[in-house]
PDB file of all heavy atoms in Angstrom:
ATOM      1  N   LEU A   1      15.305  38.409 -87.030  1.00  0.00           N
ATOM      2  CA  LEU A   1      16.442  37.372 -87.279  1.00  0.00           C
ATOM      3  C   LEU A   1      16.108  35.972 -86.907  1.00  0.00           C
ATOM      4  O   LEU A   1      16.982  35.004 -87.091  1.00  0.00           O
ATOM      5  CB  LEU A   1      17.791  37.858 -86.404  1.00  0.00           C
ATOM      6  CG  LEU A   1      18.321  39.206 -86.884  1.00  0.00           C
ATOM      7  CD1 LEU A   1      19.602  39.468 -85.795  1.00  0.00           C
ATOM      8  CD2 LEU A   1      18.896  39.175 -88.221  1.00  0.00           C
ATOM      9  N   THR A   2      14.967  35.792 -86.422  1.00  0.00           N
ATOM     10  CA  THR A   2      14.565  34.394 -85.994  1.00  0.00           C
ATOM     11  C   THR A   2      13.422  33.890 -86.759  1.00  0.00           C
ATOM     12  O   THR A   2      12.674  34.691 -87.272  1.00  0.00           O
ATOM     13  CB  THR A   2      14.248  34.441 -84.453  1.00  0.00           C
ATOM     14  OG1 THR A   2      13.271  35.436 -84.336  1.00  0.00           O
ATOM     15  CG2 THR A   2      15.421  34.917 -83.602  1.00  0.00           C
ATOM     16  N   VAL A   3      13.186  32.573 -86.678  1.00  0.00           N
ATOM     17  CA  VAL A   3      12.065  31.959 -87.506  1.00  0.00           C
ATOM     18  C   VAL A   3      10.863  32.278 -86.543  1.00  0.00           C
ATOM     19  O   VAL A   3      10.776  31.886 -85.359  1.00  0.00           O
ATOM     20  CB  VAL A   3      12.352  30.446 -87.506  1.00  0.00           C
ATOM     21  CG1 VAL A   3      11.073  29.724 -88.031  1.00  0.00           C
ATOM     22  CG2 VAL A   3      13.480  30.077 -88.445  1.00  0.00           C
ATOM     23  N   GLY A   4       9.812  32.753 -87.298  1.00  0.00           N
ATOM     24  CA  GLY A   4       8.594  33.024 -86.589  1.00  0.00           C
ATOM     25  C   GLY A   4       7.476  31.928 -86.926  1.00  0.00           C
ATOM     26  O   GLY A   4       7.552  31.207 -87.903  1.00  0.00           O
ATOM     27  N   ALA A   5       6.406  32.075 -86.088  1.00  0.00           N
ATOM     28  CA  ALA A   5       5.301  31.036 -86.389  1.00  0.00           C
ATOM     29  C   ALA A   5       4.407  31.633 -87.506  1.00  0.00           C
ATOM     30  O   ALA A   5       3.620  30.779 -88.067  1.00  0.00           O
ATOM     31  CB  ALA A   5       4.467  30.979 -85.137  1.00  0.00           C
ATOM     32  N   ASP A   6       4.555  32.918 -87.941  1.00  0.00           N
ATOM     33  CA  ASP A   6       3.709  33.471 -88.831  1.00  0.00           C
ATOM     34  C   ASP A   6       4.426  33.365 -90.223  1.00  0.00           C
ATOM     35  O   ASP A   6       5.523  33.751 -90.437  1.00  0.00           O
ATOM     36  CB  ASP A   6       3.458  35.030 -88.540  1.00  0.00           C
ATOM     37  CG  ASP A   6       2.698  35.761 -89.449  1.00  0.00           C
ATOM     38  OD1 ASP A   6       1.866  35.180 -90.292  1.00  0.00           O
ATOM     39  OD2 ASP A   6       2.880  37.002 -89.686  1.00  0.00           O
ATOM     40  N   TRP A   7       3.648  32.796 -91.114  1.00  0.00           N
ATOM     41  CA  TRP A   7       4.332  32.497 -92.438  1.00  0.00           C
ATOM     42  C   TRP A   7       4.557  33.728 -93.295  1.00  0.00           C
ATOM     43  O   TRP A   7       5.471  33.803 -93.997  1.00  0.00           O
ATOM     44  CB  TRP A   7       3.235  31.709 -93.332  1.00  0.00           C
ATOM     45  CG  TRP A   7       2.032  32.188 -93.640  1.00  0.00           C
ATOM     46  CD1 TRP A   7       0.809  32.102 -92.977  1.00  0.00           C
ATOM     47  CD2 TRP A   7       1.633  32.964 -94.743  1.00  0.00           C
ATOM     48  NE1 TRP A   7      -0.222  32.875 -93.550  1.00  0.00           N
ATOM     49  CE2 TRP A   7       0.434  33.386 -94.710  1.00  0.00           C
ATOM     50  CE3 TRP A   7       2.439  33.459 -95.928  1.00  0.00           C
ATOM     51  CZ2 TRP A   7      -0.342  34.141 -95.574  1.00  0.00           C
ATOM     52  CZ3 TRP A   7       1.797  34.181 -96.878  1.00  0.00           C
ATOM     53  CH2 TRP A   7       0.424  34.509 -96.760  1.00  0.00           C
ATOM     54  N   ARG A   8       3.821  34.875 -92.986  1.00  0.00           N
ATOM     55  CA  ARG A   8       4.138  36.177 -93.722  1.00  0.00           C
ATOM     56  C   ARG A   8       5.425  36.745 -93.232  1.00  0.00           C
ATOM     57  O   ARG A   8       6.192  37.203 -94.008  1.00  0.00           O
ATOM     58  CB  ARG A   8       2.993  37.158 -93.385  1.00  0.00           C
ATOM     59  CG  ARG A   8       1.828  36.977 -94.228  1.00  0.00           C
ATOM     60  CD  ARG A   8       0.678  37.998 -93.968  1.00  0.00           C
ATOM     61  NE  ARG A   8      -0.486  37.191 -93.610  1.00  0.00           N
ATOM     62  CZ  ARG A   8      -0.958  37.178 -92.361  1.00  0.00           C
ATOM     63  NH1 ARG A   8      -0.479  37.875 -91.414  1.00  0.00           N
ATOM     64  NH2 ARG A   8      -1.973  36.402 -92.184  1.00  0.00           N
ATOM     65  N   HIS A   9       5.769  36.519 -91.977  1.00  0.00           N
ATOM     66  CA  HIS A   9       7.033  36.946 -91.302  1.00  0.00           C
ATOM     67  C   HIS A   9       8.114  36.192 -92.122  1.00  0.00           C
ATOM     68  O   HIS A   9       9.176  36.819 -92.509  1.00  0.00           O
ATOM     69  CB  HIS A   9       7.052  36.847 -90.002  1.00  0.00           C
ATOM     70  CG  HIS A   9       8.493  36.947 -89.254  1.00  0.00           C
ATOM     71  ND1 HIS A   9       9.147  38.081 -89.124  1.00  0.00           N
ATOM     72  CD2 HIS A   9       9.317  35.916 -88.944  1.00  0.00           C
ATOM     73  CE1 HIS A   9      10.303  37.963 -88.603  1.00  0.00           C
ATOM     74  NE2 HIS A   9      10.438  36.540 -88.508  1.00  0.00           N
ATOM     75  N   ASN A  10       8.048  35.011 -92.165  1.00  0.00           N
ATOM     76  CA  ASN A  10       9.147  34.128 -92.853  1.00  0.00           C
ATOM     77  C   ASN A  10       9.262  34.385 -94.278  1.00  0.00           C
ATOM     78  O   ASN A  10      10.382  34.253 -94.817  1.00  0.00           O
ATOM     79  CB  ASN A  10       8.885  32.519 -92.569  1.00  0.00           C
ATOM     80  CG  ASN A  10       8.931  32.301 -91.033  1.00  0.00           C
ATOM     81  OD1 ASN A  10       9.592  32.983 -90.256  1.00  0.00           O
ATOM     82  ND2 ASN A  10       8.080  31.289 -90.730  1.00  0.00           N
ATOM     83  N   LEU A  11       8.214  34.613 -94.952  1.00  0.00           N
ATOM     84  CA  LEU A  11       8.305  34.932 -96.413  1.00  0.00           C
ATOM     85  C   LEU A  11       8.934  36.339 -96.701  1.00  0.00           C
ATOM     86  O   LEU A  11       9.719  36.568 -97.653  1.00  0.00           O
ATOM     87  CB  LEU A  11       6.845  34.980 -97.117  1.00  0.00           C
ATOM     88  CG  LEU A  11       6.391  33.633 -97.398  1.00  0.00           C
ATOM     89  CD1 LEU A  11       5.036  33.676 -98.131  1.00  0.00           C
ATOM     90  CD2 LEU A  11       7.365  32.890 -98.292  1.00  0.00           C
ATOM     91  N   THR A  12       8.674  37.345 -95.836  1.00  0.00           N
ATOM     92  CA  THR A  12       9.253  38.601 -95.876  1.00  0.00           C
ATOM     93  C   THR A  12      10.610  38.676 -95.288  1.00  0.00           C
ATOM     94  O   THR A  12      11.408  39.767 -95.572  1.00  0.00           O
ATOM     95  CB  THR A  12       8.391  39.741 -95.340  1.00  0.00           C
ATOM     96  OG1 THR A  12       8.039  39.421 -93.993  1.00  0.00           O
ATOM     97  CG2 THR A  12       7.017  39.788 -96.071  1.00  0.00           C
ATOM     98  N   HIS A  13      11.026  37.760 -94.478  1.00  0.00           N
ATOM     99  CA  HIS A  13      12.259  37.726 -93.969  1.00  0.00           C
ATOM    100  C   HIS A  13      12.992  36.405 -94.255  1.00  0.00           C
ATOM    101  O   HIS A  13      13.172  35.534 -93.406  1.00  0.00           O
ATOM    102  CB  HIS A  13      12.337  37.934 -92.370  1.00  0.00           C
ATOM    103  CG  HIS A  13      11.852  39.211 -91.955  1.00  0.00           C
ATOM    104  ND1 HIS A  13      10.387  39.399 -91.797  1.00  0.00           N
ATOM    105  CD2 HIS A  13      12.323  40.295 -91.664  1.00  0.00           C
ATOM    106  CE1 HIS A  13      10.141  40.556 -91.444  1.00  0.00           C
ATOM    107  NE2 HIS A  13      11.277  41.190 -91.290  1.00  0.00           N
ATOM    108  N   PRO A  14      13.308  36.041 -95.467  1.00  0.00           N
ATOM    109  CA  PRO A  14      13.762  34.749 -95.839  1.00  0.00           C
ATOM    110  C   PRO A  14      15.183  34.315 -95.231  1.00  0.00           C
ATOM    111  O   PRO A  14      15.522  33.165 -95.141  1.00  0.00           O
ATOM    112  CB  PRO A  14      13.956  34.755 -97.406  1.00  0.00           C
ATOM    113  CG  PRO A  14      14.132  36.190 -97.706  1.00  0.00           C
ATOM    114  CD  PRO A  14      13.286  36.958 -96.705  1.00  0.00           C
ATOM    115  N   TRP A  15      15.909  35.282 -94.744  1.00  0.00           N
ATOM    116  CA  TRP A  15      17.319  35.036 -94.195  1.00  0.00           C
ATOM    117  C   TRP A  15      17.079  34.280 -92.850  1.00  0.00           C
ATOM    118  O   TRP A  15      17.933  33.799 -92.215  1.00  0.00           O
ATOM    119  CB  TRP A  15      18.036  36.275 -94.044  1.00  0.00           C
ATOM    120  CG  TRP A  15      17.289  37.286 -93.255  1.00  0.00           C
ATOM    121  CD1 TRP A  15      17.340  37.615 -91.891  1.00  0.00           C
ATOM    122  CD2 TRP A  15      16.541  38.435 -93.779  1.00  0.00           C
ATOM    123  NE1 TRP A  15      16.515  38.587 -91.611  1.00  0.00           N
ATOM    124  CE2 TRP A  15      16.050  39.136 -92.735  1.00  0.00           C
ATOM    125  CE3 TRP A  15      16.321  38.795 -95.064  1.00  0.00           C
ATOM    126  CZ2 TRP A  15      15.269  40.325 -92.890  1.00  0.00           C
ATOM    127  CZ3 TRP A  15      15.386  39.915 -95.299  1.00  0.00           C
ATOM    128  CH2 TRP A  15      14.906  40.670 -94.114  1.00  0.00           C
ATOM    129  N   VAL A  16      15.858  34.375 -92.193  1.00  0.00           N
ATOM    130  CA  VAL A  16      15.702  33.918 -90.831  1.00  0.00           C
ATOM    131  C   VAL A  16      16.027  32.312 -90.707  1.00  0.00           C
ATOM    132  O   VAL A  16      16.323  31.887 -89.700  1.00  0.00           O
ATOM    133  CB  VAL A  16      14.345  34.154 -90.233  1.00  0.00           C
ATOM    134  CG1 VAL A  16      14.112  35.721 -90.187  1.00  0.00           C
ATOM    135  CG2 VAL A  16      13.135  33.517 -91.096  1.00  0.00           C
ATOM    136  N   PHE A  17      15.772  31.674 -91.800  1.00  0.00           N
ATOM    137  CA  PHE A  17      16.007  30.303 -91.843  1.00  0.00           C
ATOM    138  C   PHE A  17      17.455  29.927 -91.743  1.00  0.00           C
ATOM    139  O   PHE A  17      17.906  28.858 -91.384  1.00  0.00           O
ATOM    140  CB  PHE A  17      15.501  29.553 -93.120  1.00  0.00           C
ATOM    141  CG  PHE A  17      13.951  29.483 -93.043  1.00  0.00           C
ATOM    142  CD1 PHE A  17      13.058  30.397 -93.775  1.00  0.00           C
ATOM    143  CD2 PHE A  17      13.330  28.414 -92.242  1.00  0.00           C
ATOM    144  CE1 PHE A  17      11.819  30.377 -93.647  1.00  0.00           C
ATOM    145  CE2 PHE A  17      12.007  28.392 -92.142  1.00  0.00           C
ATOM    146  CZ  PHE A  17      11.134  29.330 -92.808  1.00  0.00           C
ATOM    147  N   ILE A  18      18.425  30.960 -91.998  1.00  0.00           N
ATOM    148  CA  ILE A  18      19.772  30.689 -91.653  1.00  0.00           C
ATOM    149  C   ILE A  18      20.249  31.397 -90.449  1.00  0.00           C
ATOM    150  O   ILE A  18      20.934  30.770 -89.656  1.00  0.00           O
ATOM    151  CB  ILE A  18      20.705  31.386 -92.912  1.00  0.00           C
ATOM    152  CG1 ILE A  18      20.306  30.679 -94.117  1.00  0.00           C
ATOM    153  CG2 ILE A  18      22.117  31.180 -92.614  1.00  0.00           C
ATOM    154  CD1 ILE A  18      20.747  29.097 -94.356  1.00  0.00           C
ATOM    155  N   THR A  19      19.864  32.709 -90.131  1.00  0.00           N
ATOM    156  CA  THR A  19      20.257  33.416 -89.139  1.00  0.00           C
ATOM    157  C   THR A  19      19.849  32.761 -87.738  1.00  0.00           C
ATOM    158  O   THR A  19      20.604  32.859 -86.792  1.00  0.00           O
ATOM    159  CB  THR A  19      19.975  34.838 -89.147  1.00  0.00           C
ATOM    160  OG1 THR A  19      18.561  34.964 -89.215  1.00  0.00           O
ATOM    161  CG2 THR A  19      20.484  35.560 -90.303  1.00  0.00           C
ATOM    162  N   HIS A  20      18.796  32.191 -87.623  1.00  0.00           N
ATOM    163  CA  HIS A  20      18.221  31.582 -86.327  1.00  0.00           C
ATOM    164  C   HIS A  20      19.090  30.632 -85.735  1.00  0.00           C
ATOM    165  O   HIS A  20      19.257  30.542 -84.530  1.00  0.00           O
ATOM    166  CB  HIS A  20      16.786  31.118 -86.453  1.00  0.00           C
ATOM    167  CG  HIS A  20      16.851  29.699 -86.890  1.00  0.00           C
ATOM    168  ND1 HIS A  20      16.887  29.267 -88.247  1.00  0.00           N
ATOM    169  CD2 HIS A  20      16.684  28.560 -86.233  1.00  0.00           C
ATOM    170  CE1 HIS A  20      16.873  28.003 -88.360  1.00  0.00           C
ATOM    171  NE2 HIS A  20      16.737  27.435 -87.199  1.00  0.00           N
ATOM    172  N   MET A  21      19.986  29.932 -86.508  1.00  0.00           N
ATOM    173  CA  MET A  21      20.701  28.729 -85.960  1.00  0.00           C
ATOM    174  C   MET A  21      22.155  29.325 -85.459  1.00  0.00           C
ATOM    175  O   MET A  21      22.888  28.524 -84.932  1.00  0.00           O
ATOM    176  CB  MET A  21      20.923  27.692 -87.014  1.00  0.00           C
ATOM    177  CG  MET A  21      21.696  28.131 -88.238  1.00  0.00           C
ATOM    178  SD  MET A  21      21.731  26.697 -89.421  1.00  0.00           S
ATOM    179  CE  MET A  21      20.264  27.050 -90.428  1.00  0.00           C
ATOM    180  N   PHE A  22      22.244  30.625 -85.665  1.00  0.00           N
ATOM    181  CA  PHE A  22      23.551  31.212 -85.114  1.00  0.00           C
ATOM    182  C   PHE A  22      23.372  32.258 -83.961  1.00  0.00           C
ATOM    183  O   PHE A  22      24.287  32.856 -83.613  1.00  0.00           O
ATOM    184  CB  PHE A  22      24.341  31.976 -86.306  1.00  0.00           C
ATOM    185  CG  PHE A  22      24.841  30.967 -87.403  1.00  0.00           C
ATOM    186  CD1 PHE A  22      24.107  30.838 -88.498  1.00  0.00           C
ATOM    187  CD2 PHE A  22      25.984  30.199 -87.102  1.00  0.00           C
ATOM    188  CE1 PHE A  22      24.511  30.075 -89.633  1.00  0.00           C
ATOM    189  CE2 PHE A  22      26.395  29.389 -88.139  1.00  0.00           C
ATOM    190  CZ  PHE A  22      25.732  29.228 -89.464  1.00  0.00           C
ATOM    191  N   LEU A  23      22.147  32.198 -83.496  1.00  0.00           N
ATOM    192  CA  LEU A  23      21.885  33.152 -82.438  1.00  0.00           C
ATOM    193  C   LEU A  23      21.465  32.541 -81.177  1.00  0.00           C
ATOM    194  O   LEU A  23      20.784  31.504 -81.144  1.00  0.00           O
ATOM    195  CB  LEU A  23      20.750  34.085 -82.800  1.00  0.00           C
ATOM    196  CG  LEU A  23      20.888  34.929 -84.044  1.00  0.00           C
ATOM    197  CD1 LEU A  23      19.675  35.611 -84.510  1.00  0.00           C
ATOM    198  CD2 LEU A  23      22.096  35.891 -83.942  1.00  0.00           C
ATOM    199  N   HIS A  24      21.934  32.977 -80.023  1.00  0.00           N
ATOM    200  CA  HIS A  24      21.619  32.473 -78.728  1.00  0.00           C
ATOM    201  C   HIS A  24      21.473  33.772 -77.723  1.00  0.00           C
ATOM    202  O   HIS A  24      22.324  34.577 -77.778  1.00  0.00           O
ATOM    203  CB  HIS A  24      22.673  31.584 -78.113  1.00  0.00           C
ATOM    204  CG  HIS A  24      22.790  30.272 -79.036  1.00  0.00           C
ATOM    205  ND1 HIS A  24      23.595  30.333 -80.090  1.00  0.00           N
ATOM    206  CD2 HIS A  24      22.437  29.140 -78.863  1.00  0.00           C
ATOM    207  CE1 HIS A  24      23.709  29.046 -80.574  1.00  0.00           C
ATOM    208  NE2 HIS A  24      22.880  28.376 -79.797  1.00  0.00           N
ATOM    209  N   GLU A  25      20.352  33.693 -76.993  1.00  0.00           N
ATOM    210  CA  GLU A  25      20.132  34.794 -76.017  1.00  0.00           C
ATOM    211  C   GLU A  25      20.729  34.472 -74.639  1.00  0.00           C
ATOM    212  O   GLU A  25      21.275  35.434 -73.993  1.00  0.00           O
ATOM    213  CB  GLU A  25      18.671  35.219 -75.853  1.00  0.00           C
ATOM    214  CG  GLU A  25      18.033  36.129 -76.800  1.00  0.00           C
ATOM    215  CD  GLU A  25      16.761  36.544 -76.351  1.00  0.00           C
ATOM    216  OE1 GLU A  25      15.806  35.823 -76.347  1.00  0.00           O
ATOM    217  OE2 GLU A  25      16.662  37.844 -76.124  1.00  0.00           O
ATOM    218  N   SER A  26      20.799  33.300 -74.308  1.00  0.00           N
ATOM    219  CA  SER A  26      21.303  32.735 -72.940  1.00  0.00           C
ATOM    220  C   SER A  26      22.638  32.247 -73.040  1.00  0.00           C
ATOM    221  O   SER A  26      22.994  31.434 -74.091  1.00  0.00           O
ATOM    222  CB  SER A  26      20.297  31.836 -72.444  1.00  0.00           C
ATOM    223  OG  SER A  26      20.761  30.988 -71.357  1.00  0.00           O
ATOM    224  N   PHE A  27      23.446  32.593 -72.041  1.00  0.00           N
ATOM    225  CA  PHE A  27      24.916  32.035 -72.085  1.00  0.00           C
ATOM    226  C   PHE A  27      24.891  30.513 -72.068  1.00  0.00           C
ATOM    227  O   PHE A  27      25.572  29.797 -72.696  1.00  0.00           O
ATOM    228  CB  PHE A  27      25.708  32.637 -70.908  1.00  0.00           C
ATOM    229  CG  PHE A  27      26.987  31.967 -70.776  1.00  0.00           C
ATOM    230  CD1 PHE A  27      28.019  32.223 -71.718  1.00  0.00           C
ATOM    231  CD2 PHE A  27      27.096  31.100 -69.721  1.00  0.00           C
ATOM    232  CE1 PHE A  27      29.298  31.612 -71.370  1.00  0.00           C
ATOM    233  CE2 PHE A  27      28.419  30.487 -69.406  1.00  0.00           C
ATOM    234  CZ  PHE A  27      29.399  30.664 -70.338  1.00  0.00           C
ATOM    235  N   TRP A  28      23.870  30.008 -71.155  1.00  0.00           N
ATOM    236  CA  TRP A  28      23.889  28.609 -70.925  1.00  0.00           C
ATOM    237  C   TRP A  28      23.292  27.805 -72.195  1.00  0.00           C
ATOM    238  O   TRP A  28      23.832  26.739 -72.464  1.00  0.00           O
ATOM    239  CB  TRP A  28      23.089  28.154 -69.698  1.00  0.00           C
ATOM    240  CG  TRP A  28      23.584  28.739 -68.447  1.00  0.00           C
ATOM    241  CD1 TRP A  28      23.147  29.823 -67.731  1.00  0.00           C
ATOM    242  CD2 TRP A  28      24.811  28.318 -67.915  1.00  0.00           C
ATOM    243  NE1 TRP A  28      24.027  29.940 -66.703  1.00  0.00           N
ATOM    244  CE2 TRP A  28      25.054  29.145 -66.754  1.00  0.00           C
ATOM    245  CE3 TRP A  28      25.731  27.295 -68.043  1.00  0.00           C
ATOM    246  CZ2 TRP A  28      26.136  29.066 -65.888  1.00  0.00           C
ATOM    247  CZ3 TRP A  28      26.898  27.188 -67.345  1.00  0.00           C
ATOM    248  CH2 TRP A  28      27.045  28.006 -66.211  1.00  0.00           C
ATOM    249  N   HIS A  29      22.359  28.437 -72.925  1.00  0.00           N
ATOM    250  CA  HIS A  29      21.891  27.816 -74.170  1.00  0.00           C
ATOM    251  C   HIS A  29      23.087  27.736 -75.203  1.00  0.00           C
ATOM    252  O   HIS A  29      23.378  26.778 -75.805  1.00  0.00           O
ATOM    253  CB  HIS A  29      20.847  28.789 -74.704  1.00  0.00           C
ATOM    254  CG  HIS A  29      20.122  28.291 -75.834  1.00  0.00           C
ATOM    255  ND1 HIS A  29      19.423  29.009 -76.820  1.00  0.00           N
ATOM    256  CD2 HIS A  29      20.036  26.953 -76.439  1.00  0.00           C
ATOM    257  CE1 HIS A  29      18.931  28.346 -77.805  1.00  0.00           C
ATOM    258  NE2 HIS A  29      19.271  27.022 -77.477  1.00  0.00           N
ATOM    259  N   LEU A  30      23.871  28.884 -75.260  1.00  0.00           N
ATOM    260  CA  LEU A  30      25.000  28.806 -76.047  1.00  0.00           C
ATOM    261  C   LEU A  30      26.072  27.730 -75.737  1.00  0.00           C
ATOM    262  O   LEU A  30      26.633  27.011 -76.406  1.00  0.00           O
ATOM    263  CB  LEU A  30      25.818  30.247 -76.176  1.00  0.00           C
ATOM    264  CG  LEU A  30      26.997  30.328 -76.907  1.00  0.00           C
ATOM    265  CD1 LEU A  30      26.834  30.252 -78.417  1.00  0.00           C
ATOM    266  CD2 LEU A  30      27.672  31.691 -76.449  1.00  0.00           C
ATOM    267  N   LEU A  31      26.392  27.808 -74.423  1.00  0.00           N
ATOM    268  CA  LEU A  31      27.464  27.020 -73.866  1.00  0.00           C
ATOM    269  C   LEU A  31      27.115  25.413 -74.157  1.00  0.00           C
ATOM    270  O   LEU A  31      27.902  24.722 -74.606  1.00  0.00           O
ATOM    271  CB  LEU A  31      27.656  27.048 -72.325  1.00  0.00           C
ATOM    272  CG  LEU A  31      28.676  26.152 -71.730  1.00  0.00           C
ATOM    273  CD1 LEU A  31      30.073  26.514 -72.054  1.00  0.00           C
ATOM    274  CD2 LEU A  31      28.581  26.252 -70.193  1.00  0.00           C
ATOM    275  N   TRP A  32      25.874  25.032 -73.766  1.00  0.00           N
ATOM    276  CA  TRP A  32      25.571  23.584 -73.866  1.00  0.00           C
ATOM    277  C   TRP A  32      25.439  23.192 -75.511  1.00  0.00           C
ATOM    278  O   TRP A  32      25.773  22.026 -75.828  1.00  0.00           O
ATOM    279  CB  TRP A  32      24.333  23.228 -73.185  1.00  0.00           C
ATOM    280  CG  TRP A  32      24.600  23.261 -71.718  1.00  0.00           C
ATOM    281  CD1 TRP A  32      23.967  24.118 -70.819  1.00  0.00           C
ATOM    282  CD2 TRP A  32      25.473  22.483 -71.025  1.00  0.00           C
ATOM    283  NE1 TRP A  32      24.481  23.967 -69.564  1.00  0.00           N
ATOM    284  CE2 TRP A  32      25.439  23.022 -69.565  1.00  0.00           C
ATOM    285  CE3 TRP A  32      26.421  21.610 -71.361  1.00  0.00           C
ATOM    286  CZ2 TRP A  32      26.166  22.428 -68.607  1.00  0.00           C
ATOM    287  CZ3 TRP A  32      27.168  21.065 -70.246  1.00  0.00           C
ATOM    288  CH2 TRP A  32      27.087  21.475 -69.014  1.00  0.00           C
ATOM    289  N   ASN A  33      24.907  23.984 -76.210  1.00  0.00           N
ATOM    290  CA  ASN A  33      24.803  23.845 -77.670  1.00  0.00           C
ATOM    291  C   ASN A  33      26.180  23.761 -78.288  1.00  0.00           C
ATOM    292  O   ASN A  33      26.606  22.845 -79.098  1.00  0.00           O
ATOM    293  CB  ASN A  33      24.032  24.852 -78.478  1.00  0.00           C
ATOM    294  CG  ASN A  33      22.558  24.647 -78.475  1.00  0.00           C
ATOM    295  OD1 ASN A  33      22.180  23.492 -78.312  1.00  0.00           O
ATOM    296  ND2 ASN A  33      21.838  25.783 -78.757  1.00  0.00           N
ATOM    297  N   MET A  34      27.075  24.590 -78.046  1.00  0.00           N
ATOM    298  CA  MET A  34      28.523  24.587 -78.417  1.00  0.00           C
ATOM    299  C   MET A  34      29.263  23.375 -78.009  1.00  0.00           C
ATOM    300  O   MET A  34      30.074  22.761 -78.714  1.00  0.00           O
ATOM    301  CB  MET A  34      29.236  25.929 -78.247  1.00  0.00           C
ATOM    302  CG  MET A  34      28.603  27.183 -78.885  1.00  0.00           C
ATOM    303  SD  MET A  34      28.401  26.831 -80.709  1.00  0.00           S
ATOM    304  CE  MET A  34      26.641  26.551 -80.869  1.00  0.00           C
ATOM    305  N   LEU A  35      29.105  22.985 -76.698  1.00  0.00           N
ATOM    306  CA  LEU A  35      29.799  21.835 -76.273  1.00  0.00           C
ATOM    307  C   LEU A  35      29.267  20.588 -76.845  1.00  0.00           C
ATOM    308  O   LEU A  35      30.088  19.860 -77.360  1.00  0.00           O
ATOM    309  CB  LEU A  35      29.622  21.719 -74.615  1.00  0.00           C
ATOM    310  CG  LEU A  35      30.381  22.625 -73.795  1.00  0.00           C
ATOM    311  CD1 LEU A  35      29.915  22.447 -72.336  1.00  0.00           C
ATOM    312  CD2 LEU A  35      31.827  22.396 -73.980  1.00  0.00           C
ATOM    313  N   GLY A  36      28.118  20.454 -77.041  1.00  0.00           N
ATOM    314  CA  GLY A  36      27.502  19.329 -77.758  1.00  0.00           C
ATOM    315  C   GLY A  36      27.888  19.240 -79.241  1.00  0.00           C
ATOM    316  O   GLY A  36      28.232  18.373 -79.782  1.00  0.00           O
TER     317      GLY A  36
END
Protein backbone atom coordinates (compact mmCIF):
# COMPACT_ATOMS: atom_id res chain seq x y z
CA LEU A 1 0.00 0.00 0.00
CA THR A 2 3.03 2.30 0.10
CA VAL A 3 5.38 3.85 -2.45
CA GLY A 4 8.52 1.77 -2.78
CA ALA A 5 12.00 2.55 -3.99
CA ASP A 6 11.78 -0.29 -6.53
CA TRP A 7 10.23 0.77 -9.84
CA ARG A 8 8.87 -2.76 -10.48
CA HIS A 9 6.91 -2.59 -7.24
CA ASN A 10 5.38 0.76 -8.18
CA LEU A 11 4.48 -0.41 -11.69
CA THR A 12 2.78 -3.57 -10.43
CA HIS A 13 1.04 -1.69 -7.61
CA PRO A 14 -0.11 1.57 -9.28
CA TRP A 15 -2.55 2.38 -6.45
CA VAL A 16 0.35 3.06 -4.06
CA PHE A 17 0.70 6.61 -5.35
CA ILE A 18 -2.75 7.34 -3.87
CA THR A 19 -2.91 5.00 -0.86
CA HIS A 20 0.42 6.04 0.67
CA MET A 21 -0.85 9.52 1.50
CA PHE A 22 -3.73 8.18 3.60
CA LEU A 23 -1.69 5.80 5.79
CA HIS A 24 0.17 6.42 9.04
CA GLU A 25 1.77 3.85 11.34
CA SER A 26 2.50 6.14 14.27
CA PHE A 27 -0.12 8.03 16.26
CA TRP A 28 2.16 11.07 16.50
CA HIS A 29 2.82 11.05 12.75
CA LEU A 30 -0.94 11.03 12.18
CA LEU A 31 -1.62 13.68 14.83
CA TRP A 32 0.90 16.25 13.62
CA ASN A 33 0.06 15.72 9.94
CA MET A 34 -3.66 16.11 10.60
CA LEU A 35 -3.20 19.18 12.81
CA GLY A 36 -1.07 20.88 10.17
